Amino acid sequence: MIWYKEKNDNDIVVSTRVRLARNLSKYPFPNAMNKETIKKAREEIENCIMNSNSTLSKDFKIYNMLDLEDTDKKMLAEKHLISFDLLDNKDSSVLINKDENMSVMLMEEDHLRLQVIMGGFKLDEAYETANRVDDVIDENVQYAFDADFGYLTSCPTNTGTGLRASVMMHLPALTMTNSIQRIISSAGGLGIAIRGMYGEGSKAYGSLYQISNQVTLGLTEKEIIEKVKNIVNQIAEHEKQARKKLLENNRDYIEDKIYRAYGILKYARTISSKEAKALISDVLMGKNMGIIDIDNGELIELMIMAEPAYIEHMSKKKLSPEERDKKRAELIRDAI
C-alpha cells in the first residue's frame, strides 16, 4: 500500500524512506555517458530485475520518462516515488512496484537509486526491504565497489554505504515557536540534515521536514539507521514538549487557529497548494493535540492530493492555476 494510505499511529512521524545509491562497475557515471551507453546500462538493469526468478519481476512496472506526460511525471515526484531531478531526464526510467512503496530510479545522478518508502516510523523495516531487493540486483550485475571506500557514487557524499535514511516529520509546534532553526543547526553538527518536504532545496510547507543522514562513509548501515532513529526520537520529544507548552500558555489562540483552519478548508471555494498545506497542517496538529476529531490518514493524503499535478491528474485535463485552486478547494471540501 502506498505510504500515505497506510495506517499510522505516530502523530509526529509521517513516513520513512530508505534509499540506496548504486553504480555498475563496467560503465562510467551517468554524467560521463553518451546516450547509447546510457540506454545499454539502463536496459541491463531493467532486464536483471524484470527477468529475475524473484517475485520482483511480477511486482514492478517500467516507466520511461520520455514516454510519460509532464503531469504524470510530476505526480510521481509529488508522491515521492521519483526525484524532481528525474523529471527532465529523457534518458532515464523508473521501476515502481504495485503497492507504490518501492521504486528504482535509473540514470538519475547514479546508475540506479533504489528506494523504499513507508508510512510511519519504520526505518528497520524499510532498510531490510531495500536490502533484499539490492541483493537480488547484485546477483545479476557487478556494482562499482572499492574495499576502502565502499560503493562508489557520482557524488562523494553518497560514497560508502550509499545509504540515505530519511524520516518525514510533522513539526508544527517547533515551527510556530521558532525553535526549529536551533534544532536544524544542532542536527547539522551531528551529521544530520533537516530539509523541506521534498528534500534538498525545498521549503517545509505544512511544517513537514525531512530528517536524514549526511554521511554515508565510515559508518555501517546499522549505525546510520540507529543514528537517524536517535535524532528523530529526540526531535519528536522536543515537538511534544512544544505542543504541551502551547496548550498550557496559549490554548485559546491555538484552538482559534485550528478551528479557523478547519473552517476555511471546509468552506473555501478556491485555495492554493501552499495555503492548503499550511491549513491542513494546523488541523492535523489540532487532531494530534486532541482538540478536533478528524482522521490523521485523510489529512496526510490530502497534502499529497492538494499538489498541482495530482489535481490535474484527477481532473484528466490541463488546468490553469485558477482552475486548479477551485478544483483543490472542491476536493478538500468533499474530503473533510
Protein backbone atom coordinates (compact mmCIF):
# COMPACT_ATOMS: atom_id res chain seq x y z
CA MET A 1 0.00 0.00 0.00
CA ILE A 2 1.30 3.46 -0.88
CA TRP A 3 2.82 5.18 2.15
CA TYR A 4 0.27 7.95 2.67
CA LYS A 5 -2.61 5.46 2.73
CA GLU A 6 -1.03 3.25 5.40
CA LYS A 7 -2.46 3.26 8.90
CA ASN A 8 -0.11 5.33 11.05
CA ASP A 9 -0.49 5.71 14.81
CA ASN A 10 2.51 8.03 15.14
CA ASP A 11 1.34 11.64 15.50
CA ILE A 12 4.72 13.19 14.57
CA VAL A 13 6.47 10.85 12.13
CA VAL A 14 4.64 10.82 8.80
CA SER A 15 6.77 8.49 6.71
CA THR A 16 10.09 6.67 6.42
CA ARG A 17 12.29 6.36 3.35
CA VAL A 18 15.46 4.39 2.71
CA ARG A 19 17.44 4.97 -0.47
CA LEU A 20 20.46 3.07 -1.80
CA ALA A 21 22.70 4.62 -4.47
CA ARG A 22 24.50 2.14 -6.74
CA ASN A 23 26.54 2.13 -9.95
CA LEU A 24 27.66 -0.62 -12.30
CA SER A 25 31.42 -1.16 -12.44
CA LYS A 26 31.57 -1.60 -16.23
CA TYR A 27 30.20 1.87 -17.05
CA PRO A 28 31.26 5.43 -16.20
CA PHE A 29 28.94 7.52 -14.05
CA PRO A 30 25.82 8.83 -15.89
CA ASN A 31 27.18 12.36 -16.35
CA ALA A 32 30.07 10.91 -18.37
CA MET A 33 27.97 8.56 -20.53
CA ASN A 34 26.60 9.10 -24.02
CA LYS A 35 23.01 8.27 -24.98
CA GLU A 36 23.90 4.89 -26.42
CA THR A 37 25.77 3.75 -23.30
CA ILE A 38 23.05 5.10 -21.03
CA LYS A 39 20.44 3.09 -22.94
CA LYS A 40 22.57 -0.05 -22.75
CA ALA A 41 23.20 0.26 -18.99
CA ARG A 42 19.58 1.12 -18.27
CA GLU A 43 18.27 -1.88 -20.19
CA GLU A 44 20.78 -4.15 -18.45
CA ILE A 45 19.46 -3.14 -15.02
CA GLU A 46 15.83 -3.31 -16.13
CA ASN A 47 16.35 -6.82 -17.51
CA CYS A 48 18.12 -8.09 -14.40
CA ILE A 49 15.10 -7.07 -12.32
CA MET A 50 12.27 -7.94 -14.71
CA ASN A 51 13.80 -11.28 -15.77
CA SER A 52 14.87 -12.40 -12.30
CA ASN A 53 13.45 -15.52 -10.65
CA SER A 54 12.30 -13.47 -7.65
CA THR A 55 8.83 -12.03 -7.15
CA LEU A 56 10.25 -8.67 -8.24
CA SER A 57 9.73 -9.50 -11.89
CA LYS A 58 5.96 -9.68 -11.34
CA ASP A 59 5.81 -6.76 -8.95
CA PHE A 60 7.46 -3.95 -10.93
CA LYS A 61 6.40 -1.89 -13.91
CA ILE A 62 8.80 0.20 -16.02
CA TYR A 63 8.07 3.85 -16.81
CA ASN A 64 10.29 5.66 -19.31
CA MET A 65 10.49 9.40 -18.66
CA LEU A 66 10.41 10.05 -22.41
CA ASP A 67 7.02 8.36 -22.72
CA LEU A 68 5.27 9.97 -19.73
CA GLU A 69 3.18 13.11 -19.85
CA ASP A 70 4.51 16.02 -17.76
CA THR A 71 1.57 15.78 -15.35
CA ASP A 72 2.17 12.08 -14.74
CA LYS A 73 5.88 12.62 -14.12
CA LYS A 74 5.25 15.46 -11.70
CA MET A 75 2.65 13.41 -9.86
CA LEU A 76 5.20 10.63 -9.31
CA ALA A 77 7.53 13.23 -7.80
CA GLU A 78 4.75 14.67 -5.64
CA LYS A 79 4.11 11.17 -4.31
CA HIS A 80 7.87 10.86 -3.54
CA LEU A 81 8.26 7.92 -5.93
CA ILE A 82 10.86 9.73 -8.04
CA SER A 83 13.04 12.80 -7.52
CA PHE A 84 12.28 16.11 -9.20
CA ASP A 85 15.74 15.84 -10.80
CA LEU A 86 14.50 12.87 -12.82
CA LEU A 87 11.64 14.79 -14.46
CA ASP A 88 13.59 16.41 -17.30
CA ASN A 89 15.97 13.50 -17.88
CA LYS A 90 14.60 11.93 -21.06
CA ASP A 91 17.16 9.11 -20.96
CA SER A 92 16.03 7.86 -17.56
CA SER A 93 13.37 5.46 -16.36
CA VAL A 94 11.86 4.22 -13.11
CA LEU A 95 10.58 0.86 -11.97
CA ILE A 96 7.69 1.11 -9.49
CA ASN A 97 6.06 -1.78 -7.67
CA LYS A 98 2.33 -2.40 -7.48
CA ASP A 99 1.98 -1.13 -3.93
CA GLU A 100 3.87 2.07 -4.82
CA ASN A 101 6.11 1.77 -1.78
CA MET A 102 9.22 0.88 -3.75
CA SER A 103 10.90 2.41 -6.79
CA VAL A 104 14.17 2.06 -8.67
CA MET A 105 15.27 5.23 -10.48
CA LEU A 106 17.65 4.60 -13.37
CA MET A 107 20.16 7.10 -14.76
CA GLU A 108 19.48 9.94 -12.37
CA GLU A 109 22.72 11.01 -10.65
CA ASP A 110 23.75 7.35 -10.34
CA HIS A 111 23.00 4.31 -12.48
CA LEU A 112 20.34 3.23 -10.04
CA ARG A 113 18.75 4.55 -6.89
CA LEU A 114 16.61 2.06 -5.06
CA GLN A 115 14.17 3.47 -2.54
CA VAL A 116 11.58 2.09 -0.15
CA ILE A 117 9.04 4.44 1.40
CA MET A 118 6.59 3.50 4.15
CA GLY A 119 4.05 5.29 6.30
CA GLY A 120 5.07 5.88 9.93
CA PHE A 121 8.38 5.28 11.70
CA LYS A 122 9.74 2.08 10.10
CA LEU A 123 13.44 2.58 9.41
CA ASP A 124 14.46 -1.00 10.17
CA GLU A 125 11.66 -2.49 8.08
CA ALA A 126 12.32 -0.13 5.16
CA TYR A 127 16.05 -0.89 5.17
CA GLU A 128 15.50 -4.65 5.34
CA THR A 129 13.17 -4.46 2.34
CA ALA A 130 15.61 -2.30 0.34
CA ASN A 131 18.49 -4.60 1.24
CA ARG A 132 16.63 -7.70 -0.01
CA VAL A 133 15.93 -6.06 -3.38
CA ASP A 134 19.51 -4.80 -3.55
CA ASP A 135 20.76 -8.39 -3.07
CA VAL A 136 18.60 -9.60 -5.98
CA ILE A 137 20.03 -6.93 -8.29
CA ASP A 138 23.58 -7.58 -7.04
CA GLU A 139 23.28 -11.23 -8.12
CA ASN A 140 22.96 -10.16 -11.75
CA VAL A 141 25.24 -7.13 -12.09
CA GLN A 142 28.65 -6.07 -10.83
CA TYR A 143 28.47 -2.98 -8.62
CA ALA A 144 31.22 -0.36 -8.54
CA PHE A 145 32.75 -1.14 -5.15
CA ASP A 146 36.08 -0.36 -3.50
CA ALA A 147 37.43 -2.24 -0.49
CA ASP A 148 38.44 1.01 1.22
CA PHE A 149 35.69 3.39 0.12
CA GLY A 150 32.70 1.09 -0.28
CA TYR A 151 30.08 1.71 -3.00
CA LEU A 152 31.29 4.33 -5.49
CA THR A 153 28.85 7.08 -6.41
CA SER A 154 28.72 10.20 -8.58
CA CYS A 155 28.55 12.47 -5.52
CA PRO A 156 31.26 11.83 -2.89
CA THR A 157 28.76 12.38 -0.07
CA ASN A 158 26.99 9.15 -1.08
CA THR A 159 30.16 7.04 -1.31
CA GLY A 160 30.44 4.34 1.33
CA THR A 161 27.21 2.55 2.15
CA GLY A 162 25.30 4.63 -0.43
CA LEU A 163 22.53 4.73 2.16
CA ARG A 164 20.23 7.68 2.84
CA ALA A 165 17.80 7.04 5.66
CA SER A 166 15.19 9.76 5.96
CA VAL A 167 12.12 10.37 8.06
CA MET A 168 9.39 12.91 7.31
CA MET A 169 8.19 14.62 10.47
CA HIS A 170 5.28 16.95 11.15
CA LEU A 171 6.68 19.67 13.44
CA PRO A 172 4.12 22.49 13.69
CA ALA A 173 4.78 23.44 17.34
CA LEU A 174 8.54 23.73 16.82
CA THR A 175 7.86 25.82 13.72
CA MET A 176 5.36 28.10 15.49
CA THR A 177 7.70 28.70 18.43
CA ASN A 178 10.65 29.37 16.11
CA SER A 179 12.60 26.55 17.75
CA ILE A 180 13.11 24.64 14.52
CA GLN A 181 16.12 26.69 13.38
CA ARG A 182 18.01 25.87 16.57
CA ILE A 183 17.27 22.18 16.07
CA ILE A 184 18.36 22.33 12.41
CA SER A 185 21.67 23.89 13.43
CA SER A 186 22.24 21.33 16.20
CA ALA A 187 21.41 18.40 13.93
CA GLY A 188 23.84 19.65 11.27
CA GLY A 189 26.68 19.37 13.77
CA LEU A 190 25.76 15.72 14.28
CA GLY A 191 25.81 14.86 10.58
CA ILE A 192 22.04 15.05 10.17
CA ALA A 193 20.29 17.20 7.54
CA ILE A 194 16.84 18.70 8.09
CA ARG A 195 15.16 19.88 4.89
CA GLY A 196 11.72 20.59 3.47
CA MET A 197 9.06 18.11 2.35
CA TYR A 198 10.83 17.26 -0.93
CA GLY A 199 14.37 17.21 0.40
CA GLU A 200 17.29 19.38 -0.66
CA GLY A 201 16.30 22.87 -1.80
CA SER A 202 12.63 22.54 -0.84
CA LYS A 203 10.70 24.50 1.76
CA ALA A 204 8.93 22.99 4.75
CA TYR A 205 5.39 23.84 3.70
CA GLY A 206 2.85 22.38 6.09
CA SER A 207 5.56 22.09 8.76
CA LEU A 208 6.77 18.88 7.13
CA TYR A 209 10.50 18.24 7.40
CA GLN A 210 12.79 15.52 6.04
CA ILE A 211 15.42 14.34 8.55
CA SER A 212 18.24 12.31 7.01
CA ASN A 213 21.88 11.32 7.42
CA GLN A 214 24.53 13.44 5.67
CA VAL A 215 27.39 10.95 5.95
CA THR A 216 27.49 7.50 4.35
CA LEU A 217 31.25 6.85 4.56
CA GLY A 218 32.87 5.46 7.70
CA LEU A 219 29.63 4.16 9.18
CA THR A 220 27.82 0.85 8.73
CA GLU A 221 24.23 0.72 7.56
CA LYS A 222 23.12 -0.26 11.07
CA GLU A 223 24.99 2.68 12.60
CA ILE A 224 23.37 5.12 10.15
CA ILE A 225 19.90 3.75 10.88
CA GLU A 226 20.43 3.95 14.63
CA LYS A 227 21.81 7.48 14.41
CA VAL A 228 18.80 8.73 12.45
CA LYS A 229 16.41 6.92 14.80
CA ASN A 230 18.01 8.54 17.85
CA ILE A 231 17.85 12.05 16.37
CA VAL A 232 14.24 11.56 15.24
CA ASN A 233 13.25 10.42 18.72
CA GLN A 234 14.92 13.48 20.26
CA ILE A 235 13.20 15.85 17.82
CA ALA A 236 9.87 14.14 18.46
CA GLU A 237 10.28 14.71 22.19
CA HIS A 238 11.02 18.41 21.59
CA GLU A 239 7.89 18.65 19.45
CA LYS A 240 5.77 17.00 22.15
CA GLN A 241 7.05 19.45 24.77
CA ALA A 242 6.46 22.41 22.45
CA ARG A 243 2.85 21.29 21.84
CA LYS A 244 2.30 20.91 25.58
CA LYS A 245 3.59 24.42 26.30
CA LEU A 246 1.48 25.92 23.53
CA LEU A 247 -1.64 24.38 25.03
CA GLU A 248 -0.72 25.44 28.55
CA ASN A 249 0.16 29.05 27.67
CA ASN A 250 -1.88 29.84 24.53
CA ARG A 251 -4.81 27.43 24.41
CA ASP A 252 -7.36 29.99 23.17
CA TYR A 253 -5.02 31.12 20.38
CA ILE A 254 -4.23 27.53 19.35
CA GLU A 255 -7.87 26.43 19.33
CA ASP A 256 -8.87 29.51 17.36
CA LYS A 257 -6.09 28.87 14.82
CA ILE A 258 -7.12 25.24 14.40
CA TYR A 259 -10.85 25.85 14.03
CA ARG A 260 -10.26 28.77 11.64
CA ALA A 261 -8.11 26.46 9.51
CA TYR A 262 -10.80 23.78 9.56
CA GLY A 263 -13.47 26.32 8.62
CA ILE A 264 -11.51 27.58 5.61
CA LEU A 265 -10.78 24.05 4.40
CA LYS A 266 -14.40 23.06 4.88
CA TYR A 267 -15.95 26.01 3.04
CA ALA A 268 -13.33 27.64 0.79
CA ARG A 269 -14.18 27.86 -2.92
CA THR A 270 -10.61 28.49 -4.05
CA ILE A 271 -7.33 27.65 -2.34
CA SER A 272 -3.67 27.45 -3.35
CA SER A 273 -1.43 24.45 -2.71
CA LYS A 274 0.73 26.42 -0.28
CA GLU A 275 -2.25 27.67 1.76
CA ALA A 276 -3.85 24.21 1.75
CA LYS A 277 -0.71 22.61 3.21
CA ALA A 278 -0.49 25.23 5.97
CA LEU A 279 -4.16 24.85 6.92
CA ILE A 280 -4.10 21.04 6.75
CA SER A 281 -1.02 21.17 8.99
CA ASP A 282 -2.93 23.25 11.55
CA VAL A 283 -5.88 20.84 11.56
CA LEU A 284 -3.53 17.86 11.82
CA MET A 285 -1.88 19.49 14.84
CA GLY A 286 -5.34 20.03 16.35
CA LYS A 287 -6.17 16.38 15.82
CA ASN A 288 -2.95 15.25 17.48
CA MET A 289 -3.49 17.66 20.39
CA GLY A 290 -6.95 16.22 20.99
CA ILE A 291 -8.72 19.47 20.01
CA ILE A 292 -10.52 18.33 16.87
CA ASP A 293 -11.71 14.88 15.81
CA ILE A 294 -10.67 14.03 12.27
CA ASP A 295 -8.79 11.16 10.65
CA ASN A 296 -4.97 11.57 10.53
CA GLY A 297 -4.58 9.46 7.42
CA GLU A 298 -7.05 11.53 5.44
CA LEU A 299 -5.16 14.74 6.26
CA ILE A 300 -1.77 13.38 5.16
CA GLU A 301 -3.32 12.03 1.97
CA LEU A 302 -4.91 15.44 1.38
CA MET A 303 -1.49 17.09 1.48
CA ILE A 304 -0.43 14.93 -1.46
CA MET A 305 -3.75 15.23 -3.28
CA ALA A 306 -3.57 19.03 -2.98
CA GLU A 307 -0.43 19.16 -5.14
CA PRO A 308 -0.77 20.70 -8.64
CA ALA A 309 -0.04 17.62 -10.77
CA TYR A 310 -2.28 15.42 -8.64
CA ILE A 311 -5.15 17.87 -9.12
CA GLU A 312 -4.67 17.82 -12.90
CA HIS A 313 -4.37 14.04 -12.92
CA MET A 314 -7.70 13.69 -11.14
CA SER A 315 -9.29 16.23 -13.48
CA LYS A 316 -7.92 14.36 -16.51
CA LYS A 317 -7.02 17.61 -18.25
CA LYS A 318 -4.69 20.60 -18.14
CA LEU A 319 -5.87 23.31 -15.77
CA SER A 320 -4.95 26.94 -15.31
CA PRO A 321 -3.68 27.92 -11.82
CA GLU A 322 -7.10 29.44 -11.05
CA GLU A 323 -8.91 26.27 -12.17
CA ARG A 324 -6.56 24.16 -10.04
CA ASP A 325 -7.27 26.30 -6.98
CA LYS A 326 -11.02 25.85 -7.46
CA LYS A 327 -10.68 22.09 -8.03
CA ARG A 328 -8.41 21.79 -4.98
CA ALA A 329 -10.94 23.55 -2.77
CA GLU A 330 -13.69 21.26 -4.06
CA LEU A 331 -11.60 18.16 -3.41
CA ILE A 332 -10.79 19.26 0.16
CA ARG A 333 -14.43 20.16 0.91
CA ASP A 334 -15.53 16.71 -0.20
CA ALA A 335 -12.81 15.03 1.86
CA ILE A 336 -13.48 16.70 5.20
